[in-house]
Structures are given as C-alpha cells and as structure tokens.
Amino acid sequence: EAVARAVPAGQFFFEDAQLDLARAQALAGKPTEAVATYERV
C-alpha cells in the first residue's frame, strides 16, 4: 500500500505496484479490496 500510494498512475512502476497490492490483498483474505485494485489497473 505504501508503494502504491507513492507511485501515481502513469508512472513506470504503477502497474506492478498495483498488481503486487492486489495479489497480497487476495492472499490476505480481502477479495473485495483485491478486485477493486485489479479493476483500477
């Protein structure tokens, strides 16, 4: 989450940062948050 906040849309690492976050959210048992993050990508 800290990485995702620091990398806004349009920057080089944005996609990877969001996908890392979504993957961890899913693994942490937060499917709703994970879906929202994937949809943002």
PDB file of all heavy atoms in Angstrom:
ATOM      1  N   GLU A   1       0.827  -1.202   0.000  1.00  0.00           N
ATOM      2  CA  GLU A   1       0.000   0.000   0.000  1.00  0.00           C
ATOM      3  C   GLU A   1       0.863   1.254   0.000  1.00  0.00           C
ATOM      4  O   GLU A   1       0.546   2.236  -0.682  1.00  0.00           O
ATOM      5  CB  GLU A   1      -0.925   0.008   1.223  1.00  0.00           C
ATOM      6  CG  GLU A   1      -2.127  -0.903   1.095  1.00  0.00           C
ATOM      7  CD  GLU A   1      -2.979  -0.936   2.348  1.00  0.00           C
ATOM      8  OE1 GLU A   1      -2.441  -0.595   3.431  1.00  0.00           O
ATOM      9  OE2 GLU A   1      -4.159  -1.313   2.259  1.00  0.00           O
ATOM     10  N   ALA A   2       1.954   1.216   0.754  1.00  0.00           N
ATOM     11  CA  ALA A   2       2.864   2.367   0.800  1.00  0.00           C
ATOM     12  C   ALA A   2       3.487   2.617  -0.571  1.00  0.00           C
ATOM     13  O   ALA A   2       3.631   3.767  -1.009  1.00  0.00           O
ATOM     14  CB  ALA A   2       3.953   2.133   1.846  1.00  0.00           C
ATOM     15  N   VAL A   3       3.844   1.537  -1.262  1.00  0.00           N
ATOM     16  CA  VAL A   3       4.420   1.680  -2.605  1.00  0.00           C
ATOM     17  C   VAL A   3       3.370   2.231  -3.559  1.00  0.00           C
ATOM     18  O   VAL A   3       3.634   3.156  -4.340  1.00  0.00           O
ATOM     19  CB  VAL A   3       4.940   0.327  -3.121  1.00  0.00           C
ATOM     20  CG1 VAL A   3       5.499   0.491  -4.539  1.00  0.00           C
ATOM     21  CG2 VAL A   3       6.018  -0.226  -2.205  1.00  0.00           C
ATOM     22  N   ALA A   4       2.167   1.673  -3.500  1.00  0.00           N
ATOM     23  CA  ALA A   4       1.099   2.103  -4.419  1.00  0.00           C
ATOM     24  C   ALA A   4       0.754   3.571  -4.230  1.00  0.00           C
ATOM     25  O   ALA A   4       0.479   4.284  -5.205  1.00  0.00           O
ATOM     26  CB  ALA A   4      -0.137   1.229  -4.203  1.00  0.00           C
ATOM     27  N   ARG A   5       0.778   4.036  -2.985  1.00  0.00           N
ATOM     28  CA  ARG A   5       0.495   5.456  -2.736  1.00  0.00           C
ATOM     29  C   ARG A   5       1.577   6.355  -3.316  1.00  0.00           C
ATOM     30  O   ARG A   5       1.302   7.488  -3.722  1.00  0.00           O
ATOM     31  CB  ARG A   5       0.371   5.714  -1.228  1.00  0.00           C
ATOM     32  CG  ARG A   5      -0.933   5.224  -0.606  1.00  0.00           C
ATOM     33  CD  ARG A   5      -1.121   5.830   0.776  1.00  0.00           C
ATOM     34  NE  ARG A   5      -0.034   5.476   1.681  1.00  0.00           N
ATOM     35  CZ  ARG A   5      -0.038   4.397   2.456  1.00  0.00           C
ATOM     36  NH1 ARG A   5      -1.076   3.564   2.437  1.00  0.00           N
ATOM     37  NH2 ARG A   5       0.973   4.145   3.264  1.00  0.00           N
ATOM     38  N   ALA A   6       2.790   5.853  -3.354  1.00  0.00           N
ATOM     39  CA  ALA A   6       3.923   6.673  -3.799  1.00  0.00           C
ATOM     40  C   ALA A   6       4.107   6.679  -5.314  1.00  0.00           C
ATOM     41  O   ALA A   6       4.882   7.479  -5.843  1.00  0.00           O
ATOM     42  CB  ALA A   6       5.212   6.186  -3.134  1.00  0.00           C
ATOM     43  N   VAL A   7       3.398   5.775  -6.006  1.00  0.00           N
ATOM     44  CA  VAL A   7       3.559   5.661  -7.463  1.00  0.00           C
ATOM     45  C   VAL A   7       2.222   5.955  -8.125  1.00  0.00           C
ATOM     46  O   VAL A   7       1.361   5.065  -8.238  1.00  0.00           O
ATOM     47  CB  VAL A   7       4.056   4.265  -7.859  1.00  0.00           C
ATOM     48  CG1 VAL A   7       4.298   4.206  -9.370  1.00  0.00           C
ATOM     49  CG2 VAL A   7       5.331   3.907  -7.108  1.00  0.00           C
ATOM     50  N   PRO A   8       1.994   7.164  -8.590  1.00  0.00           N
ATOM     51  CA  PRO A   8       0.713   7.516  -9.217  1.00  0.00           C
ATOM     52  C   PRO A   8       0.551   6.902 -10.603  1.00  0.00           C
ATOM     53  O   PRO A   8       1.520   6.443 -11.216  1.00  0.00           O
ATOM     54  CB  PRO A   8       0.780   9.047  -9.300  1.00  0.00           C
ATOM     55  CG  PRO A   8       2.243   9.352  -9.357  1.00  0.00           C
ATOM     56  CD  PRO A   8       2.905   8.324  -8.502  1.00  0.00           C
ATOM     57  N   ALA A   9      -0.672   6.890 -11.074  1.00  0.00           N
ATOM     58  CA  ALA A   9      -0.963   6.368 -12.412  1.00  0.00           C
ATOM     59  C   ALA A   9      -0.142   7.111 -13.456  1.00  0.00           C
ATOM     60  O   ALA A   9       0.054   8.323 -13.375  1.00  0.00           O
ATOM     61  CB  ALA A   9      -2.452   6.513 -12.714  1.00  0.00           C
ATOM     62  N   GLY A  10       0.357   6.361 -14.413  1.00  0.00           N
ATOM     63  CA  GLY A  10       1.166   6.960 -15.463  1.00  0.00           C
ATOM     64  C   GLY A  10       2.648   6.773 -15.257  1.00  0.00           C
ATOM     65  O   GLY A  10       3.429   6.868 -16.206  1.00  0.00           O
ATOM     66  N   GLN A  11       3.055   6.508 -14.019  1.00  0.00           N
ATOM     67  CA  GLN A  11       4.474   6.286 -13.766  1.00  0.00           C
ATOM     68  C   GLN A  11       4.838   4.836 -14.071  1.00  0.00           C
ATOM     69  O   GLN A  11       3.987   3.944 -14.068  1.00  0.00           O
ATOM     70  CB  GLN A  11       4.829   6.646 -12.320  1.00  0.00           C
ATOM     71  CG  GLN A  11       4.839   8.141 -12.069  1.00  0.00           C
ATOM     72  CD  GLN A  11       5.596   8.498 -10.805  1.00  0.00           C
ATOM     73  OE1 GLN A  11       6.151   7.656 -10.118  1.00  0.00           O
ATOM     74  NE2 GLN A  11       5.608   9.791 -10.490  1.00  0.00           N
ATOM     75  N   PHE A  12       6.120   4.608 -14.276  1.00  0.00           N
ATOM     76  CA  PHE A  12       6.614   3.326 -14.778  1.00  0.00           C
ATOM     77  C   PHE A  12       6.205   2.144 -13.898  1.00  0.00           C
ATOM     78  O   PHE A  12       5.800   1.098 -14.406  1.00  0.00           O
ATOM     79  CB  PHE A  12       8.137   3.373 -14.912  1.00  0.00           C
ATOM     80  CG  PHE A  12       8.739   2.118 -15.461  1.00  0.00           C
ATOM     81  CD1 PHE A  12       8.613   1.808 -16.811  1.00  0.00           C
ATOM     82  CD2 PHE A  12       9.405   1.224 -14.642  1.00  0.00           C
ATOM     83  CE1 PHE A  12       9.158   0.642 -17.333  1.00  0.00           C
ATOM     84  CE2 PHE A  12       9.953   0.059 -15.153  1.00  0.00           C
ATOM     85  CZ  PHE A  12       9.830  -0.232 -16.490  1.00  0.00           C
ATOM     86  N   PHE A  13       6.307   2.278 -12.582  1.00  0.00           N
ATOM     87  CA  PHE A  13       6.061   1.151 -11.690  1.00  0.00           C
ATOM     88  C   PHE A  13       4.605   1.051 -11.227  1.00  0.00           C
ATOM     89  O   PHE A  13       4.293   0.222 -10.367  1.00  0.00           O
ATOM     90  CB  PHE A  13       6.974   1.247 -10.458  1.00  0.00           C
ATOM     91  CG  PHE A  13       8.425   0.959 -10.756  1.00  0.00           C
ATOM     92  CD1 PHE A  13       9.345   1.987 -10.800  1.00  0.00           C
ATOM     93  CD2 PHE A  13       8.850  -0.339 -10.998  1.00  0.00           C
ATOM     94  CE1 PHE A  13      10.674   1.734 -11.076  1.00  0.00           C
ATOM     95  CE2 PHE A  13      10.181  -0.607 -11.278  1.00  0.00           C
ATOM     96  CZ  PHE A  13      11.101   0.428 -11.317  1.00  0.00           C
ATOM     97  N   PHE A  14       3.729   1.885 -11.768  1.00  0.00           N
ATOM     98  CA  PHE A  14       2.346   1.902 -11.285  1.00  0.00           C
ATOM     99  C   PHE A  14       1.673   0.536 -11.403  1.00  0.00           C
ATOM    100  O   PHE A  14       1.078   0.025 -10.442  1.00  0.00           O
ATOM    101  CB  PHE A  14       1.528   2.944 -12.054  1.00  0.00           C
ATOM    102  CG  PHE A  14       0.064   2.908 -11.744  1.00  0.00           C
ATOM    103  CD1 PHE A  14      -0.426   3.494 -10.580  1.00  0.00           C
ATOM    104  CD2 PHE A  14      -0.832   2.277 -12.602  1.00  0.00           C
ATOM    105  CE1 PHE A  14      -1.784   3.443 -10.284  1.00  0.00           C
ATOM    106  CE2 PHE A  14      -2.193   2.225 -12.301  1.00  0.00           C
ATOM    107  CZ  PHE A  14      -2.662   2.809 -11.142  1.00  0.00           C
ATOM    108  N   GLU A  15       1.738  -0.065 -12.578  1.00  0.00           N
ATOM    109  CA  GLU A  15       1.047  -1.336 -12.796  1.00  0.00           C
ATOM    110  C   GLU A  15       1.563  -2.419 -11.858  1.00  0.00           C
ATOM    111  O   GLU A  15       0.784  -3.133 -11.211  1.00  0.00           O
ATOM    112  CB  GLU A  15       1.189  -1.775 -14.248  1.00  0.00           C
ATOM    113  CG  GLU A  15       0.420  -3.047 -14.576  1.00  0.00           C
ATOM    114  CD  GLU A  15       0.482  -3.401 -16.055  1.00  0.00           C
ATOM    115  OE1 GLU A  15       0.941  -2.556 -16.860  1.00  0.00           O
ATOM    116  OE2 GLU A  15       0.077  -4.518 -16.405  1.00  0.00           O
ATOM    117  N   ASP A  16       2.875  -2.552 -11.768  1.00  0.00           N
ATOM    118  CA  ASP A  16       3.448  -3.575 -10.889  1.00  0.00           C
ATOM    119  C   ASP A  16       3.076  -3.328  -9.433  1.00  0.00           C
ATOM    120  O   ASP A  16       2.787  -4.272  -8.689  1.00  0.00           O
ATOM    121  CB  ASP A  16       4.969  -3.605 -11.030  1.00  0.00           C
ATOM    122  CG  ASP A  16       5.419  -4.231 -12.338  1.00  0.00           C
ATOM    123  OD1 ASP A  16       4.638  -5.018 -12.920  1.00  0.00           O
ATOM    124  OD2 ASP A  16       6.536  -3.948 -12.785  1.00  0.00           O
ATOM    125  N   ALA A  17       3.091  -2.073  -9.018  1.00  0.00           N
ATOM    126  CA  ALA A  17       2.751  -1.752  -7.632  1.00  0.00           C
ATOM    127  C   ALA A  17       1.321  -2.140  -7.319  1.00  0.00           C
ATOM    128  O   ALA A  17       1.024  -2.710  -6.252  1.00  0.00           O
ATOM    129  CB  ALA A  17       2.973  -0.263  -7.370  1.00  0.00           C
ATOM    130  N   GLN A  18       0.409  -1.867  -8.237  1.00  0.00           N
ATOM    131  CA  GLN A  18      -0.992  -2.199  -8.033  1.00  0.00           C
ATOM    132  C   GLN A  18      -1.216  -3.718  -8.049  1.00  0.00           C
ATOM    133  O   GLN A  18      -1.987  -4.256  -7.242  1.00  0.00           O
ATOM    134  CB  GLN A  18      -1.855  -1.526  -9.103  1.00  0.00           C
ATOM    135  CG  GLN A  18      -1.869  -0.013  -9.051  1.00  0.00           C
ATOM    136  CD  GLN A  18      -2.498   0.531  -7.781  1.00  0.00           C
ATOM    137  OE1 GLN A  18      -3.456  -0.037  -7.257  1.00  0.00           O
ATOM    138  NE2 GLN A  18      -1.964   1.636  -7.271  1.00  0.00           N
ATOM    139  N   LEU A  19      -0.528  -4.405  -8.940  1.00  0.00           N
ATOM    140  CA  LEU A  19      -0.695  -5.858  -9.021  1.00  0.00           C
ATOM    141  C   LEU A  19      -0.122  -6.548  -7.788  1.00  0.00           C
ATOM    142  O   LEU A  19      -0.684  -7.543  -7.298  1.00  0.00           O
ATOM    143  CB  LEU A  19      -0.043  -6.392 -10.299  1.00  0.00           C
ATOM    144  CG  LEU A  19      -0.721  -5.972 -11.608  1.00  0.00           C
ATOM    145  CD1 LEU A  19       0.038  -6.531 -12.808  1.00  0.00           C
ATOM    146  CD2 LEU A  19      -2.176  -6.435 -11.638  1.00  0.00           C
ATOM    147  N   ASP A  20       0.995  -6.044  -7.290  1.00  0.00           N
ATOM    148  CA  ASP A  20       1.548  -6.585  -6.039  1.00  0.00           C
ATOM    149  C   ASP A  20       0.534  -6.427  -4.908  1.00  0.00           C
ATOM    150  O   ASP A  20       0.300  -7.360  -4.126  1.00  0.00           O
ATOM    151  CB  ASP A  20       2.841  -5.864  -5.666  1.00  0.00           C
ATOM    152  CG  ASP A  20       4.020  -6.260  -6.536  1.00  0.00           C
ATOM    153  OD1 ASP A  20       3.959  -7.317  -7.189  1.00  0.00           O
ATOM    154  OD2 ASP A  20       5.004  -5.496  -6.564  1.00  0.00           O
ATOM    155  N   LEU A  21      -0.047  -5.239  -4.823  1.00  0.00           N
ATOM    156  CA  LEU A  21      -1.017  -4.966  -3.771  1.00  0.00           C
ATOM    157  C   LEU A  21      -2.249  -5.861  -3.912  1.00  0.00           C
ATOM    158  O   LEU A  21      -2.708  -6.456  -2.920  1.00  0.00           O
ATOM    159  CB  LEU A  21      -1.439  -3.494  -3.817  1.00  0.00           C
ATOM    160  CG  LEU A  21      -2.544  -3.066  -2.854  1.00  0.00           C
ATOM    161  CD1 LEU A  21      -2.169  -3.378  -1.406  1.00  0.00           C
ATOM    162  CD2 LEU A  21      -2.859  -1.580  -3.030  1.00  0.00           C
ATOM    163  N   ALA A  22      -2.779  -5.984  -5.123  1.00  0.00           N
ATOM    164  CA  ALA A  22      -3.965  -6.812  -5.335  1.00  0.00           C
ATOM    165  C   ALA A  22      -3.698  -8.268  -4.970  1.00  0.00           C
ATOM    166  O   ALA A  22      -4.532  -8.930  -4.335  1.00  0.00           O
ATOM    167  CB  ALA A  22      -4.409  -6.707  -6.795  1.00  0.00           C
ATOM    168  N   ARG A  23      -2.539  -8.767  -5.367  1.00  0.00           N
ATOM    169  CA  ARG A  23      -2.189 -10.161  -5.057  1.00  0.00           C
ATOM    170  C   ARG A  23      -2.140 -10.387  -3.537  1.00  0.00           C
ATOM    171  O   ARG A  23      -2.690 -11.368  -3.016  1.00  0.00           O
ATOM    172  CB  ARG A  23      -0.834 -10.497  -5.678  1.00  0.00           C
ATOM    173  CG  ARG A  23      -0.405 -11.942  -5.473  1.00  0.00           C
ATOM    174  CD  ARG A  23       0.959 -12.214  -6.081  1.00  0.00           C
ATOM    175  NE  ARG A  23       2.019 -11.432  -5.426  1.00  0.00           N
ATOM    176  CZ  ARG A  23       2.635 -10.397  -6.003  1.00  0.00           C
ATOM    177  NH1 ARG A  23       2.311 -10.010  -7.223  1.00  0.00           N
ATOM    178  NH2 ARG A  23       3.586  -9.745  -5.355  1.00  0.00           N
ATOM    179  N   ALA A  24      -1.504  -9.458  -2.829  1.00  0.00           N
ATOM    180  CA  ALA A  24      -1.404  -9.581  -1.375  1.00  0.00           C
ATOM    181  C   ALA A  24      -2.768  -9.440  -0.711  1.00  0.00           C
ATOM    182  O   ALA A  24      -3.065 -10.129   0.271  1.00  0.00           O
ATOM    183  CB  ALA A  24      -0.429  -8.526  -0.833  1.00  0.00           C
ATOM    184  N   GLN A  25      -3.596  -8.555  -1.227  1.00  0.00           N
ATOM    185  CA  GLN A  25      -4.945  -8.400  -0.675  1.00  0.00           C
ATOM    186  C   GLN A  25      -5.738  -9.694  -0.804  1.00  0.00           C
ATOM    187  O   GLN A  25      -6.447 -10.106   0.124  1.00  0.00           O
ATOM    188  CB  GLN A  25      -5.664  -7.244  -1.369  1.00  0.00           C
ATOM    189  CG  GLN A  25      -5.141  -5.872  -0.991  1.00  0.00           C
ATOM    190  CD  GLN A  25      -5.691  -4.763  -1.861  1.00  0.00           C
ATOM    191  OE1 GLN A  25      -5.955  -4.964  -3.044  1.00  0.00           O
ATOM    192  NE2 GLN A  25      -5.855  -3.575  -1.289  1.00  0.00           N
ATOM    193  N   ALA A  26      -5.622 -10.338  -1.964  1.00  0.00           N
ATOM    194  CA  ALA A  26      -6.322 -11.609  -2.168  1.00  0.00           C
ATOM    195  C   ALA A  26      -5.798 -12.669  -1.204  1.00  0.00           C
ATOM    196  O   ALA A  26      -6.584 -13.417  -0.591  1.00  0.00           O
ATOM    197  CB  ALA A  26      -6.148 -12.065  -3.613  1.00  0.00           C
ATOM    198  N   LEU A  27      -4.476 -12.736  -1.048  1.00  0.00           N
ATOM    199  CA  LEU A  27      -3.876 -13.720  -0.145  1.00  0.00           C
ATOM    200  C   LEU A  27      -4.223 -13.439   1.310  1.00  0.00           C
ATOM    201  O   LEU A  27      -4.293 -14.360   2.135  1.00  0.00           O
ATOM    202  CB  LEU A  27      -2.356 -13.727  -0.328  1.00  0.00           C
ATOM    203  CG  LEU A  27      -1.849 -14.291  -1.663  1.00  0.00           C
ATOM    204  CD1 LEU A  27      -0.365 -14.003  -1.832  1.00  0.00           C
ATOM    205  CD2 LEU A  27      -2.112 -15.795  -1.734  1.00  0.00           C
ATOM    206  N   ALA A  28      -4.440 -12.165   1.635  1.00  0.00           N
ATOM    207  CA  ALA A  28      -4.784 -11.774   2.995  1.00  0.00           C
ATOM    208  C   ALA A  28      -6.261 -11.950   3.306  1.00  0.00           C
ATOM    209  O   ALA A  28      -6.718 -11.603   4.397  1.00  0.00           O
ATOM    210  CB  ALA A  28      -4.377 -10.322   3.244  1.00  0.00           C
ATOM    211  N   GLY A  29      -7.014 -12.492   2.345  1.00  0.00           N
ATOM    212  CA  GLY A  29      -8.434 -12.712   2.567  1.00  0.00           C
ATOM    213  C   GLY A  29      -9.273 -11.462   2.414  1.00  0.00           C
ATOM    214  O   GLY A  29     -10.297 -11.301   3.085  1.00  0.00           O
ATOM    215  N   LYS A  30      -8.839 -10.578   1.506  1.00  0.00           N
ATOM    216  CA  LYS A  30      -9.579  -9.346   1.246  1.00  0.00           C
ATOM    217  C   LYS A  30      -9.968  -9.287  -0.230  1.00  0.00           C
ATOM    218  O   LYS A  30      -9.462  -8.466  -0.999  1.00  0.00           O
ATOM    219  CB  LYS A  30      -8.731  -8.126   1.611  1.00  0.00           C
ATOM    220  CG  LYS A  30      -8.355  -8.064   3.087  1.00  0.00           C
ATOM    221  CD  LYS A  30      -7.532  -6.821   3.391  1.00  0.00           C
ATOM    222  CE  LYS A  30      -7.225  -6.708   4.874  1.00  0.00           C
ATOM    223  NZ  LYS A  30      -6.463  -5.479   5.208  1.00  0.00           N
ATOM    224  N   PRO A  31     -10.869 -10.165  -0.666  1.00  0.00           N
ATOM    225  CA  PRO A  31     -11.202 -10.247  -2.095  1.00  0.00           C
ATOM    226  C   PRO A  31     -11.832  -8.979  -2.661  1.00  0.00           C
ATOM    227  O   PRO A  31     -11.566  -8.617  -3.815  1.00  0.00           O
ATOM    228  CB  PRO A  31     -12.176 -11.429  -2.161  1.00  0.00           C
ATOM    229  CG  PRO A  31     -12.756 -11.526  -0.779  1.00  0.00           C
ATOM    230  CD  PRO A  31     -11.646 -11.133   0.135  1.00  0.00           C
ATOM    231  N   THR A  32     -12.658  -8.311  -1.852  1.00  0.00           N
ATOM    232  CA  THR A  32     -13.299  -7.089  -2.358  1.00  0.00           C
ATOM    233  C   THR A  32     -12.263  -6.019  -2.671  1.00  0.00           C
ATOM    234  O   THR A  32     -12.310  -5.374  -3.737  1.00  0.00           O
ATOM    235  CB  THR A  32     -14.303  -6.549  -1.316  1.00  0.00           C
ATOM    236  OG1 THR A  32     -15.278  -7.554  -1.031  1.00  0.00           O
ATOM    237  CG2 THR A  32     -14.988  -5.293  -1.842  1.00  0.00           C
ATOM    238  N   GLU A  33     -11.301  -5.844  -1.756  1.00  0.00           N
ATOM    239  CA  GLU A  33     -10.239  -4.864  -1.975  1.00  0.00           C
ATOM    240  C   GLU A  33      -9.361  -5.275  -3.157  1.00  0.00           C
ATOM    241  O   GLU A  33      -8.939  -4.430  -3.956  1.00  0.00           O
ATOM    242  CB  GLU A  33      -9.382  -4.718  -0.720  1.00  0.00           C
ATOM    243  CG  GLU A  33     -10.078  -4.041   0.445  1.00  0.00           C
ATOM    244  CD  GLU A  33     -10.840  -5.032   1.329  1.00  0.00           C
ATOM    245  OE1 GLU A  33     -11.178  -6.143   0.836  1.00  0.00           O
ATOM    246  OE2 GLU A  33     -11.102  -4.684   2.493  1.00  0.00           O
ATOM    247  N   ALA A  34      -9.102  -6.574  -3.275  1.00  0.00           N
ATOM    248  CA  ALA A  34      -8.268  -7.062  -4.377  1.00  0.00           C
ATOM    249  C   ALA A  34      -8.939  -6.792  -5.720  1.00  0.00           C
ATOM    250  O   ALA A  34      -8.292  -6.335  -6.674  1.00  0.00           O
ATOM    251  CB  ALA A  34      -7.987  -8.549  -4.206  1.00  0.00           C
ATOM    252  N   VAL A  35     -10.229  -7.067  -5.809  1.00  0.00           N
ATOM    253  CA  VAL A  35     -10.962  -6.819  -7.055  1.00  0.00           C
ATOM    254  C   VAL A  35     -10.917  -5.336  -7.415  1.00  0.00           C
ATOM    255  O   VAL A  35     -10.692  -4.966  -8.579  1.00  0.00           O
ATOM    256  CB  VAL A  35     -12.429  -7.293  -6.927  1.00  0.00           C
ATOM    257  CG1 VAL A  35     -13.268  -6.761  -8.092  1.00  0.00           C
ATOM    258  CG2 VAL A  35     -12.492  -8.808  -6.892  1.00  0.00           C
ATOM    259  N   ALA A  36     -11.103  -4.471  -6.418  1.00  0.00           N
ATOM    260  CA  ALA A  36     -11.076  -3.029  -6.677  1.00  0.00           C
ATOM    261  C   ALA A  36      -9.707  -2.590  -7.196  1.00  0.00           C
ATOM    262  O   ALA A  36      -9.606  -1.746  -8.094  1.00  0.00           O
ATOM    263  CB  ALA A  36     -11.423  -2.268  -5.403  1.00  0.00           C
ATOM    264  N   THR A  37      -8.640  -3.185  -6.640  1.00  0.00           N
ATOM    265  CA  THR A  37      -7.288  -2.829  -7.084  1.00  0.00           C
ATOM    266  C   THR A  37      -7.040  -3.323  -8.503  1.00  0.00           C
ATOM    267  O   THR A  37      -6.472  -2.600  -9.341  1.00  0.00           O
ATOM    268  CB  THR A  37      -6.240  -3.416  -6.122  1.00  0.00           C
ATOM    269  OG1 THR A  37      -6.510  -2.953  -4.789  1.00  0.00           O
ATOM    270  CG2 THR A  37      -4.841  -2.964  -6.517  1.00  0.00           C
ATOM    271  N   TYR A  38      -7.466  -4.555  -8.797  1.00  0.00           N
ATOM    272  CA  TYR A  38      -7.313  -5.082 -10.157  1.00  0.00           C
ATOM    273  C   TYR A  38      -8.097  -4.220 -11.155  1.00  0.00           C
ATOM    274  O   TYR A  38      -7.608  -3.922 -12.257  1.00  0.00           O
ATOM    275  CB  TYR A  38      -7.807  -6.528 -10.229  1.00  0.00           C
ATOM    276  CG  TYR A  38      -6.824  -7.553  -9.715  1.00  0.00           C
ATOM    277  CD1 TYR A  38      -7.223  -8.524  -8.792  1.00  0.00           C
ATOM    278  CD2 TYR A  38      -5.510  -7.580 -10.175  1.00  0.00           C
ATOM    279  CE1 TYR A  38      -6.332  -9.483  -8.324  1.00  0.00           C
ATOM    280  CE2 TYR A  38      -4.607  -8.531  -9.719  1.00  0.00           C
ATOM    281  CZ  TYR A  38      -5.029  -9.476  -8.788  1.00  0.00           C
ATOM    282  OH  TYR A  38      -4.137 -10.419  -8.338  1.00  0.00           O
ATOM    283  N   GLU A  39      -9.298  -3.830 -10.778  1.00  0.00           N
ATOM    284  CA  GLU A  39     -10.114  -3.010 -11.677  1.00  0.00           C
ATOM    285  C   GLU A  39      -9.483  -1.636 -11.904  1.00  0.00           C
ATOM    286  O   GLU A  39      -9.626  -1.058 -12.997  1.00  0.00           O
ATOM    287  CB  GLU A  39     -11.520  -2.867 -11.102  1.00  0.00           C
ATOM    288  CG  GLU A  39     -12.332  -4.157 -11.192  1.00  0.00           C
ATOM    289  CD  GLU A  39     -13.713  -4.036 -10.566  1.00  0.00           C
ATOM    290  OE1 GLU A  39     -13.911  -3.105  -9.757  1.00  0.00           O
ATOM    291  OE2 GLU A  39     -14.581  -4.875 -10.893  1.00  0.00           O
ATOM    292  N   ARG A  40      -8.763  -1.145 -10.909  1.00  0.00           N
ATOM    293  CA  ARG A  40      -8.086   0.138 -11.096  1.00  0.00           C
ATOM    294  C   ARG A  40      -6.994   0.013 -12.158  1.00  0.00           C
ATOM    295  O   ARG A  40      -6.783   0.936 -12.956  1.00  0.00           O
ATOM    296  CB  ARG A  40      -7.470   0.620  -9.780  1.00  0.00           C
ATOM    297  CG  ARG A  40      -6.830   1.995  -9.929  1.00  0.00           C
ATOM    298  CD  ARG A  40      -6.159   2.485  -8.670  1.00  0.00           C
ATOM    299  NE  ARG A  40      -5.579   3.798  -8.930  1.00  0.00           N
ATOM    300  CZ  ARG A  40      -4.760   4.423  -8.096  1.00  0.00           C
ATOM    301  NH1 ARG A  40      -4.436   3.882  -6.935  1.00  0.00           N
ATOM    302  NH2 ARG A  40      -4.272   5.607  -8.419  1.00  0.00           N
ATOM    303  N   VAL A  41      -6.313  -1.123 -12.169  1.00  0.00           N
ATOM    304  CA  VAL A  41      -5.276  -1.338 -13.193  1.00  0.00           C
ATOM    305  C   VAL A  41      -5.912  -1.321 -14.579  1.00  0.00           C
ATOM    306  O   VAL A  41      -5.401  -0.668 -15.508  1.00  0.00           O
ATOM    307  CB  VAL A  41      -4.532  -2.666 -12.955  1.00  0.00           C
ATOM    308  CG1 VAL A  41      -3.522  -2.917 -14.082  1.00  0.00           C
ATOM    309  CG2 VAL A  41      -3.815  -2.649 -11.610  1.00  0.00           C
TER     310      VAL A  41
END
